[in-house]
Amino acid sequence: MRIDAHQHYWRIDRGDYGWIGPELPILYQDYGPSDLVPHLREHNLNATIVVQAAQTLEETAYLLSLSDESETIAGVVGWLDLNDPDFLHHYQRFCKHPKYVGFRVMIQEMPDANRILEPHFIEALRYFAEQDVPVDLLVVSHQLTPVIELLDQVPGLRAVIDHIAKPRIADGVLEPWKSQMAAIAKHPKVYCKLSGMVTEADHSHWKKKDFTAYIQHALEVFGIDRVMFGSDWPVCLLAASYEEVVDVLTHSLPETWTQHENDRLFGLNAKGFYKL
């Protein structure tokens, strides 16, 4: 099974997407499974993991309804507010759907990332660690210090770092991202999505070589069994086509890369992580 482990669908008139406005015309339109299928076919991809793009329970329900209609959706990563006293009720409700595979914590949207270290937040994630629930972590590189502390306090968490933690690719800055990702990778149940990179580069003037150091470091510290390809489509369209996103990744793979390693990166690891 070849899987795109990170992409989005939305319908603008649903009103969930306050971050998408007319000033972003390439995104300010509806995107659904039929729009992505040609790209999946071109790259011999069988299925995708659809990830929430709005911080609402209603959007998660909408994505699950889409999954009922599309065989290409292997799983849905929804949204869950761990500050909501009823978060377990909502989680258990979504769990009844066979394609609900986990939820995403939107650390990127927190004015203070240290909120993830509050006792109730740690307690909630310890529950999900005990249940071995896959959790996506959306984080920007300057927020990695509290993420490292979180993982130290919840060492058994089955987590994946989205978009290689959004390092400063446009500026060519590697540290402290490089050292912090190495620390995160020491947790054996934490994975890394090689996704969302083109939008962290110069949108108009990026070159494939701009990403090589970041990709190769992620491969080195997480290893071949804990990395996943994700297109971040259609958000990637701000800076690159679907085809260019794939090309950026494959360009930076080691020359010694084997078909076995390719299979793991482009599907088998996502299948294992999300228990498909």
C-alpha atoms as a PDB file:
ATOM      1  CA  MET A   1       0.000   0.000   0.000  1.00  0.00           C
ATOM      2  CA  ARG A   2       1.373   3.407  -1.042  1.00  0.00           C
ATOM      3  CA  ILE A   3       0.018   6.221   1.092  1.00  0.00           C
ATOM      4  CA  ASP A   4       0.131  10.008   1.176  1.00  0.00           C
ATOM      5  CA  ALA A   5       0.203  10.355   4.963  1.00  0.00           C
ATOM      6  CA  HIS A   6      -0.833  14.009   5.170  1.00  0.00           C
ATOM      7  CA  GLN A   7      -3.287  16.019   3.093  1.00  0.00           C
ATOM      8  CA  HIS A   8      -6.468  18.055   3.528  1.00  0.00           C
ATOM      9  CA  TYR A   9      -9.948  18.512   2.091  1.00  0.00           C
ATOM     10  CA  TRP A  10     -12.287  21.408   2.754  1.00  0.00           C
ATOM     11  CA  ARG A  11     -15.442  23.141   1.614  1.00  0.00           C
ATOM     12  CA  ILE A  12     -15.183  26.884   2.158  1.00  0.00           C
ATOM     13  CA  ASP A  13     -18.899  27.531   2.677  1.00  0.00           C
ATOM     14  CA  ARG A  14     -18.856  25.331   5.792  1.00  0.00           C
ATOM     15  CA  GLY A  15     -17.311  28.302   7.593  1.00  0.00           C
ATOM     16  CA  ASP A  16     -14.664  26.395   9.583  1.00  0.00           C
ATOM     17  CA  TYR A  17     -11.614  27.826   7.878  1.00  0.00           C
ATOM     18  CA  GLY A  18     -10.975  31.312   9.208  1.00  0.00           C
ATOM     19  CA  TRP A  19      -7.328  31.111   8.163  1.00  0.00           C
ATOM     20  CA  ILE A  20      -8.294  30.745   4.487  1.00  0.00           C
ATOM     21  CA  GLY A  21      -9.517  33.987   2.881  1.00  0.00           C
ATOM     22  CA  PRO A  22      -9.718  35.633  -0.551  1.00  0.00           C
ATOM     23  CA  GLU A  23      -6.149  36.869  -0.058  1.00  0.00           C
ATOM     24  CA  LEU A  24      -5.106  33.235  -0.607  1.00  0.00           C
ATOM     25  CA  PRO A  25      -6.920  32.543  -3.896  1.00  0.00           C
ATOM     26  CA  ILE A  26      -5.200  29.203  -4.551  1.00  0.00           C
ATOM     27  CA  LEU A  27      -6.603  27.903  -1.242  1.00  0.00           C
ATOM     28  CA  TYR A  28      -9.865  29.865  -1.166  1.00  0.00           C
ATOM     29  CA  GLN A  29     -11.780  27.204  -3.082  1.00  0.00           C
ATOM     30  CA  ASP A  30     -13.194  23.775  -2.398  1.00  0.00           C
ATOM     31  CA  TYR A  31     -10.952  20.713  -2.500  1.00  0.00           C
ATOM     32  CA  GLY A  32     -12.279  17.171  -2.395  1.00  0.00           C
ATOM     33  CA  PRO A  33     -11.206  13.618  -3.204  1.00  0.00           C
ATOM     34  CA  SER A  34     -11.960  13.890  -6.924  1.00  0.00           C
ATOM     35  CA  ASP A  35      -9.468  16.774  -7.181  1.00  0.00           C
ATOM     36  CA  LEU A  36      -6.647  14.716  -5.705  1.00  0.00           C
ATOM     37  CA  VAL A  37      -7.238  11.373  -7.442  1.00  0.00           C
ATOM     38  CA  PRO A  38      -5.309  12.286 -10.653  1.00  0.00           C
ATOM     39  CA  HIS A  39      -2.211  13.121  -8.585  1.00  0.00           C
ATOM     40  CA  LEU A  40      -2.488   9.909  -6.595  1.00  0.00           C
ATOM     41  CA  ARG A  41      -2.747   7.876  -9.771  1.00  0.00           C
ATOM     42  CA  GLU A  42       0.243   9.625 -11.333  1.00  0.00           C
ATOM     43  CA  HIS A  43       2.427   8.627  -8.379  1.00  0.00           C
ATOM     44  CA  ASN A  44       0.931   5.181  -7.886  1.00  0.00           C
ATOM     45  CA  LEU A  45      -0.512   6.117  -4.496  1.00  0.00           C
ATOM     46  CA  ASN A  46      -3.436   4.017  -3.287  1.00  0.00           C
ATOM     47  CA  ALA A  47      -4.741   6.043  -0.388  1.00  0.00           C
ATOM     48  CA  THR A  48      -4.309   9.042   1.893  1.00  0.00           C
ATOM     49  CA  ILE A  49      -4.543  10.144   5.490  1.00  0.00           C
ATOM     50  CA  VAL A  50      -6.807  13.204   5.631  1.00  0.00           C
ATOM     51  CA  VAL A  51      -5.884  15.584   8.448  1.00  0.00           C
ATOM     52  CA  GLN A  52      -8.067  18.220  10.073  1.00  0.00           C
ATOM     53  CA  ALA A  53      -7.534  21.815   8.991  1.00  0.00           C
ATOM     54  CA  ALA A  54     -10.062  23.458  11.327  1.00  0.00           C
ATOM     55  CA  GLN A  55     -10.285  23.414  15.094  1.00  0.00           C
ATOM     56  CA  THR A  56     -13.878  22.201  15.180  1.00  0.00           C
ATOM     57  CA  LEU A  57     -15.544  18.893  15.938  1.00  0.00           C
ATOM     58  CA  GLU A  58     -17.883  19.582  13.030  1.00  0.00           C
ATOM     59  CA  GLU A  59     -15.025  19.494  10.533  1.00  0.00           C
ATOM     60  CA  THR A  60     -13.875  16.134  11.861  1.00  0.00           C
ATOM     61  CA  ALA A  61     -17.402  14.795  11.339  1.00  0.00           C
ATOM     62  CA  TYR A  62     -17.374  16.259   7.815  1.00  0.00           C
ATOM     63  CA  LEU A  63     -14.086  14.525   6.955  1.00  0.00           C
ATOM     64  CA  LEU A  64     -15.404  11.226   8.289  1.00  0.00           C
ATOM     65  CA  SER A  65     -18.475  11.607   6.081  1.00  0.00           C
ATOM     66  CA  LEU A  66     -16.170  12.182   3.093  1.00  0.00           C
ATOM     67  CA  SER A  67     -14.320   8.991   3.959  1.00  0.00           C
ATOM     68  CA  ASP A  68     -17.580   7.064   3.662  1.00  0.00           C
ATOM     69  CA  GLU A  69     -17.765   8.132   0.025  1.00  0.00           C
ATOM     70  CA  SER A  70     -14.122   7.749  -1.014  1.00  0.00           C
ATOM     71  CA  GLU A  71     -12.084   4.564  -1.057  1.00  0.00           C
ATOM     72  CA  THR A  72      -8.896   6.633  -1.360  1.00  0.00           C
ATOM     73  CA  ILE A  73      -9.303   7.910   2.227  1.00  0.00           C
ATOM     74  CA  ALA A  74      -7.626   5.295   4.406  1.00  0.00           C
ATOM     75  CA  GLY A  75      -7.923   7.291   7.614  1.00  0.00           C
ATOM     76  CA  VAL A  76      -9.000  10.582   9.156  1.00  0.00           C
ATOM     77  CA  VAL A  77      -6.954  12.478  11.743  1.00  0.00           C
ATOM     78  CA  GLY A  78      -9.486  14.650  13.528  1.00  0.00           C
ATOM     79  CA  TRP A  79      -9.413  17.480  16.006  1.00  0.00           C
ATOM     80  CA  LEU A  80      -9.762  17.155  19.751  1.00  0.00           C
ATOM     81  CA  ASP A  81      -9.588  19.927  22.348  1.00  0.00           C
ATOM     82  CA  LEU A  82      -7.785  18.485  25.362  1.00  0.00           C
ATOM     83  CA  ASN A  83      -8.812  21.572  27.329  1.00  0.00           C
ATOM     84  CA  ASP A  84     -12.464  20.577  26.911  1.00  0.00           C
ATOM     85  CA  PRO A  85     -13.711  18.585  29.950  1.00  0.00           C
ATOM     86  CA  ASP A  86     -15.720  16.439  27.507  1.00  0.00           C
ATOM     87  CA  PHE A  87     -12.795  15.534  25.233  1.00  0.00           C
ATOM     88  CA  LEU A  88     -13.072  11.816  26.052  1.00  0.00           C
ATOM     89  CA  HIS A  89     -16.742  11.788  25.126  1.00  0.00           C
ATOM     90  CA  HIS A  90     -15.961  13.321  21.730  1.00  0.00           C
ATOM     91  CA  TYR A  91     -13.040  10.957  21.187  1.00  0.00           C
ATOM     92  CA  GLN A  92     -15.141   7.893  21.968  1.00  0.00           C
ATOM     93  CA  ARG A  93     -17.876   9.161  19.668  1.00  0.00           C
ATOM     94  CA  PHE A  94     -15.460   9.522  16.755  1.00  0.00           C
ATOM     95  CA  CYS A  95     -13.865   6.146  17.515  1.00  0.00           C
ATOM     96  CA  LYS A  96     -17.066   4.439  16.426  1.00  0.00           C
ATOM     97  CA  HIS A  97     -16.172   5.337  12.846  1.00  0.00           C
ATOM     98  CA  PRO A  98     -13.861   2.723  11.267  1.00  0.00           C
ATOM     99  CA  LYS A  99     -11.746   5.326   9.462  1.00  0.00           C
ATOM    100  CA  TYR A 100     -11.052   7.527  12.493  1.00  0.00           C
ATOM    101  CA  VAL A 101      -7.375   6.909  13.206  1.00  0.00           C
ATOM    102  CA  GLY A 102      -6.453   9.585  15.757  1.00  0.00           C
ATOM    103  CA  PHE A 103      -6.345  13.310  16.383  1.00  0.00           C
ATOM    104  CA  ARG A 104      -4.030  16.279  16.008  1.00  0.00           C
ATOM    105  CA  VAL A 105      -2.786  18.675  18.690  1.00  0.00           C
ATOM    106  CA  MET A 106      -2.469  22.170  17.196  1.00  0.00           C
ATOM    107  CA  ILE A 107       0.515  23.431  19.189  1.00  0.00           C
ATOM    108  CA  GLN A 108       1.299  25.818  16.326  1.00  0.00           C
ATOM    109  CA  GLU A 109      -1.861  27.794  17.132  1.00  0.00           C
ATOM    110  CA  MET A 110      -1.080  28.204  20.844  1.00  0.00           C
ATOM    111  CA  PRO A 111       0.168  31.663  21.887  1.00  0.00           C
ATOM    112  CA  ASP A 112       2.182  29.887  24.592  1.00  0.00           C
ATOM    113  CA  ALA A 113       3.345  26.366  23.701  1.00  0.00           C
ATOM    114  CA  ASN A 114       4.066  25.700  27.381  1.00  0.00           C
ATOM    115  CA  ARG A 115       0.339  25.094  27.812  1.00  0.00           C
ATOM    116  CA  ILE A 116       0.978  21.523  26.675  1.00  0.00           C
ATOM    117  CA  LEU A 117       2.863  21.013  29.951  1.00  0.00           C
ATOM    118  CA  GLU A 118      -0.113  21.866  32.159  1.00  0.00           C
ATOM    119  CA  PRO A 119      -1.113  18.931  34.405  1.00  0.00           C
ATOM    120  CA  HIS A 120      -4.486  18.267  32.774  1.00  0.00           C
ATOM    121  CA  PHE A 121      -2.865  18.213  29.326  1.00  0.00           C
ATOM    122  CA  ILE A 122      -0.169  15.772  30.425  1.00  0.00           C
ATOM    123  CA  GLU A 123      -2.789  13.578  32.111  1.00  0.00           C
ATOM    124  CA  ALA A 124      -4.895  13.482  28.929  1.00  0.00           C
ATOM    125  CA  LEU A 125      -1.950  12.479  26.754  1.00  0.00           C
ATOM    126  CA  ARG A 126      -0.905   9.813  29.262  1.00  0.00           C
ATOM    127  CA  TYR A 127      -4.357   8.296  28.808  1.00  0.00           C
ATOM    128  CA  PHE A 128      -3.901   8.221  25.032  1.00  0.00           C
ATOM    129  CA  ALA A 129      -0.393   6.808  25.445  1.00  0.00           C
ATOM    130  CA  GLU A 130      -1.818   3.950  27.523  1.00  0.00           C
ATOM    131  CA  GLN A 131      -4.417   3.332  24.799  1.00  0.00           C
ATOM    132  CA  ASP A 132      -1.682   3.534  22.115  1.00  0.00           C
ATOM    133  CA  VAL A 133      -3.666   6.142  20.154  1.00  0.00           C
ATOM    134  CA  PRO A 134      -1.847   7.849  17.239  1.00  0.00           C
ATOM    135  CA  VAL A 135      -1.439  11.585  17.874  1.00  0.00           C
ATOM    136  CA  ASP A 136      -0.257  14.141  15.317  1.00  0.00           C
ATOM    137  CA  LEU A 137       1.692  17.097  16.715  1.00  0.00           C
ATOM    138  CA  LEU A 138       1.607  20.289  14.641  1.00  0.00           C
ATOM    139  CA  VAL A 139       4.501  22.366  15.926  1.00  0.00           C
ATOM    140  CA  VAL A 140       6.795  25.137  14.703  1.00  0.00           C
ATOM    141  CA  SER A 141      10.528  24.754  15.294  1.00  0.00           C
ATOM    142  CA  HIS A 142      10.687  27.516  17.925  1.00  0.00           C
ATOM    143  CA  GLN A 143       8.171  25.509  20.022  1.00  0.00           C
ATOM    144  CA  LEU A 144      10.233  22.327  20.244  1.00  0.00           C
ATOM    145  CA  THR A 145      11.583  22.857  23.773  1.00  0.00           C
ATOM    146  CA  PRO A 146       8.204  22.214  25.478  1.00  0.00           C
ATOM    147  CA  VAL A 147       7.529  19.358  23.030  1.00  0.00           C
ATOM    148  CA  ILE A 148      10.718  17.621  24.184  1.00  0.00           C
ATOM    149  CA  GLU A 149       9.651  18.080  27.807  1.00  0.00           C
ATOM    150  CA  LEU A 150       6.172  16.761  26.981  1.00  0.00           C
ATOM    151  CA  LEU A 151       7.584  13.599  25.421  1.00  0.00           C
ATOM    152  CA  ASP A 152       9.842  13.098  28.424  1.00  0.00           C
ATOM    153  CA  GLN A 153       6.762  13.231  30.665  1.00  0.00           C
ATOM    154  CA  VAL A 154       4.683  11.006  28.365  1.00  0.00           C
ATOM    155  CA  PRO A 155       7.418   8.682  27.049  1.00  0.00           C
ATOM    156  CA  GLY A 156       5.081   6.050  25.610  1.00  0.00           C
ATOM    157  CA  LEU A 157       3.103   8.427  23.405  1.00  0.00           C
ATOM    158  CA  ARG A 158       2.529   7.188  19.836  1.00  0.00           C
ATOM    159  CA  ALA A 159       3.113  10.526  18.124  1.00  0.00           C
ATOM    160  CA  VAL A 160       4.173  11.925  14.784  1.00  0.00           C
ATOM    161  CA  ILE A 161       5.783  15.318  14.240  1.00  0.00           C
ATOM    162  CA  ASP A 162       4.005  16.974  11.319  1.00  0.00           C
ATOM    163  CA  HIS A 163       5.977  18.837   8.641  1.00  0.00           C
ATOM    164  CA  ILE A 164       9.364  18.004  10.216  1.00  0.00           C
ATOM    165  CA  ALA A 165       8.457  20.630  12.856  1.00  0.00           C
ATOM    166  CA  LYS A 166       8.532  23.508  10.358  1.00  0.00           C
ATOM    167  CA  PRO A 167      12.202  24.489  10.479  1.00  0.00           C
ATOM    168  CA  ARG A 168      13.440  27.800   9.061  1.00  0.00           C
ATOM    169  CA  ILE A 169      14.169  26.459   5.595  1.00  0.00           C
ATOM    170  CA  ALA A 170      13.836  29.845   3.884  1.00  0.00           C
ATOM    171  CA  ASP A 171      16.690  31.147   6.059  1.00  0.00           C
ATOM    172  CA  GLY A 172      18.773  27.966   5.846  1.00  0.00           C
ATOM    173  CA  VAL A 173      18.817  27.684   9.653  1.00  0.00           C
ATOM    174  CA  LEU A 174      19.468  24.193  11.054  1.00  0.00           C
ATOM    175  CA  GLU A 175      20.094  24.720  14.767  1.00  0.00           C
ATOM    176  CA  PRO A 176      18.638  24.311  17.295  1.00  0.00           C
ATOM    177  CA  TRP A 177      16.067  22.393  15.197  1.00  0.00           C
ATOM    178  CA  LYS A 178      18.640  19.754  14.290  1.00  0.00           C
ATOM    179  CA  SER A 179      19.632  18.969  17.886  1.00  0.00           C
ATOM    180  CA  GLN A 180      16.046  19.120  19.137  1.00  0.00           C
ATOM    181  CA  MET A 181      14.788  16.701  16.483  1.00  0.00           C
ATOM    182  CA  ALA A 182      17.570  14.298  17.447  1.00  0.00           C
ATOM    183  CA  ALA A 183      16.349  14.482  21.052  1.00  0.00           C
ATOM    184  CA  ILE A 184      12.751  13.848  19.975  1.00  0.00           C
ATOM    185  CA  ALA A 185      13.801  10.891  17.825  1.00  0.00           C
ATOM    186  CA  LYS A 186      15.209   9.136  20.896  1.00  0.00           C
ATOM    187  CA  HIS A 187      11.606   8.306  21.787  1.00  0.00           C
ATOM    188  CA  PRO A 188      11.023   5.061  19.860  1.00  0.00           C
ATOM    189  CA  LYS A 189       7.287   5.596  19.338  1.00  0.00           C
ATOM    190  CA  VAL A 190       7.661   9.068  17.806  1.00  0.00           C
ATOM    191  CA  TYR A 191       7.612   9.359  14.012  1.00  0.00           C
ATOM    192  CA  CYS A 192       8.267  12.228  11.592  1.00  0.00           C
ATOM    193  CA  LYS A 193       6.306  13.331   8.538  1.00  0.00           C
ATOM    194  CA  LEU A 194       8.442  14.537   5.645  1.00  0.00           C
ATOM    195  CA  SER A 195       5.732  16.960   4.653  1.00  0.00           C
ATOM    196  CA  GLY A 196       4.924  20.666   4.614  1.00  0.00           C
ATOM    197  CA  MET A 197       8.456  21.661   3.669  1.00  0.00           C
ATOM    198  CA  VAL A 198       7.907  23.736   0.529  1.00  0.00           C
ATOM    199  CA  THR A 199       5.773  26.250   2.382  1.00  0.00           C
ATOM    200  CA  GLU A 200       8.614  26.814   4.881  1.00  0.00           C
ATOM    201  CA  ALA A 201      10.948  27.739   2.002  1.00  0.00           C
ATOM    202  CA  ASP A 202      10.929  30.833  -0.218  1.00  0.00           C
ATOM    203  CA  HIS A 203       7.634  30.228  -2.022  1.00  0.00           C
ATOM    204  CA  SER A 204       8.800  31.702  -5.314  1.00  0.00           C
ATOM    205  CA  HIS A 205      12.517  30.931  -5.452  1.00  0.00           C
ATOM    206  CA  TRP A 206      13.146  27.651  -3.641  1.00  0.00           C
ATOM    207  CA  LYS A 207      15.532  25.064  -5.057  1.00  0.00           C
ATOM    208  CA  LYS A 208      15.508  21.325  -4.403  1.00  0.00           C
ATOM    209  CA  LYS A 209      18.865  21.533  -2.654  1.00  0.00           C
ATOM    210  CA  ASP A 210      17.354  23.873  -0.040  1.00  0.00           C
ATOM    211  CA  PHE A 211      15.658  20.869   1.590  1.00  0.00           C
ATOM    212  CA  THR A 212      18.397  18.252   1.471  1.00  0.00           C
ATOM    213  CA  ALA A 213      20.002  18.887   4.871  1.00  0.00           C
ATOM    214  CA  TYR A 214      16.628  18.839   6.619  1.00  0.00           C
ATOM    215  CA  ILE A 215      15.377  15.683   4.914  1.00  0.00           C
ATOM    216  CA  GLN A 216      18.598  13.763   5.402  1.00  0.00           C
ATOM    217  CA  HIS A 217      18.813  14.725   9.071  1.00  0.00           C
ATOM    218  CA  ALA A 218      15.253  13.503   9.681  1.00  0.00           C
ATOM    219  CA  LEU A 219      16.083  10.229   7.939  1.00  0.00           C
ATOM    220  CA  GLU A 220      19.263   9.856   9.988  1.00  0.00           C
ATOM    221  CA  VAL A 221      17.734  10.418  13.438  1.00  0.00           C
ATOM    222  CA  PHE A 222      14.327   8.769  12.964  1.00  0.00           C
ATOM    223  CA  GLY A 223      15.535   5.924  10.761  1.00  0.00           C
ATOM    224  CA  ILE A 224      13.781   4.293   7.854  1.00  0.00           C
ATOM    225  CA  ASP A 225      10.982   2.799   9.987  1.00  0.00           C
ATOM    226  CA  ARG A 226       9.682   6.086  11.464  1.00  0.00           C
ATOM    227  CA  VAL A 227       9.383   8.502   8.544  1.00  0.00           C
ATOM    228  CA  MET A 228       6.390   9.099   6.252  1.00  0.00           C
ATOM    229  CA  PHE A 229       5.773  10.948   3.014  1.00  0.00           C
ATOM    230  CA  GLY A 230       3.029  13.575   3.164  1.00  0.00           C
ATOM    231  CA  SER A 231       2.130  16.047   0.429  1.00  0.00           C
ATOM    232  CA  ASP A 232       0.309  18.609   2.599  1.00  0.00           C
ATOM    233  CA  TRP A 233      -1.884  19.143  -0.472  1.00  0.00           C
ATOM    234  CA  PRO A 234      -3.549  21.546  -1.178  1.00  0.00           C
ATOM    235  CA  VAL A 235      -1.647  23.815   1.255  1.00  0.00           C
ATOM    236  CA  CYS A 236       1.530  22.948  -0.671  1.00  0.00           C
ATOM    237  CA  LEU A 237       0.083  24.745  -3.713  1.00  0.00           C
ATOM    238  CA  LEU A 238       1.139  28.036  -2.119  1.00  0.00           C
ATOM    239  CA  ALA A 239       4.688  27.104  -3.128  1.00  0.00           C
ATOM    240  CA  ALA A 240       4.706  23.971  -5.293  1.00  0.00           C
ATOM    241  CA  SER A 241       2.626  21.480  -7.246  1.00  0.00           C
ATOM    242  CA  TYR A 242       1.965  17.967  -5.989  1.00  0.00           C
ATOM    243  CA  GLU A 243       4.539  16.683  -8.471  1.00  0.00           C
ATOM    244  CA  GLU A 244       7.171  19.142  -7.235  1.00  0.00           C
ATOM    245  CA  VAL A 245       6.568  18.120  -3.618  1.00  0.00           C
ATOM    246  CA  VAL A 246       7.267  14.490  -4.501  1.00  0.00           C
ATOM    247  CA  ASP A 247      10.320  15.534  -6.512  1.00  0.00           C
ATOM    248  CA  VAL A 248      11.735  17.602  -3.631  1.00  0.00           C
ATOM    249  CA  LEU A 249      11.646  14.554  -1.381  1.00  0.00           C
ATOM    250  CA  THR A 250      12.976  11.996  -3.845  1.00  0.00           C
ATOM    251  CA  HIS A 251      15.791  14.348  -4.906  1.00  0.00           C
ATOM    252  CA  SER A 252      17.169  14.367  -1.349  1.00  0.00           C
ATOM    253  CA  LEU A 253      16.991  10.651  -0.644  1.00  0.00           C
ATOM    254  CA  PRO A 254      20.381   8.934  -0.226  1.00  0.00           C
ATOM    255  CA  GLU A 255      21.941   7.406  -3.333  1.00  0.00           C
ATOM    256  CA  THR A 256      21.941   4.048  -1.559  1.00  0.00           C
ATOM    257  CA  TRP A 257      18.148   4.153  -1.120  1.00  0.00           C
ATOM    258  CA  THR A 258      16.501   0.779  -1.787  1.00  0.00           C
ATOM    259  CA  GLN A 259      13.019  -0.239  -2.895  1.00  0.00           C
ATOM    260  CA  HIS A 260      12.358  -1.585   0.605  1.00  0.00           C
ATOM    261  CA  GLU A 261      13.178   1.794   2.126  1.00  0.00           C
ATOM    262  CA  ASN A 262      11.041   3.525  -0.513  1.00  0.00           C
ATOM    263  CA  ASP A 263       8.099   1.276   0.346  1.00  0.00           C
ATOM    264  CA  ARG A 264       8.401   2.154   4.022  1.00  0.00           C
ATOM    265  CA  LEU A 265       8.607   5.905   3.398  1.00  0.00           C
ATOM    266  CA  PHE A 266       5.741   5.940   0.918  1.00  0.00           C
ATOM    267  CA  GLY A 267       3.210   3.883   2.810  1.00  0.00           C
ATOM    268  CA  LEU A 268       4.198   1.024   5.063  1.00  0.00           C
ATOM    269  CA  ASN A 269       5.235   3.250   7.965  1.00  0.00           C
ATOM    270  CA  ALA A 270       1.973   5.217   7.777  1.00  0.00           C
ATOM    271  CA  LYS A 271       0.044   1.954   7.624  1.00  0.00           C
ATOM    272  CA  GLY A 272       1.775   0.761  10.786  1.00  0.00           C
ATOM    273  CA  PHE A 273       1.599   4.041  12.686  1.00  0.00           C
ATOM    274  CA  TYR A 274      -2.109   4.577  12.046  1.00  0.00           C
ATOM    275  CA  LYS A 275      -2.923   0.847  12.409  1.00  0.00           C
ATOM    276  CA  LEU A 276      -4.611   0.613   9.015  1.00  0.00           C
END
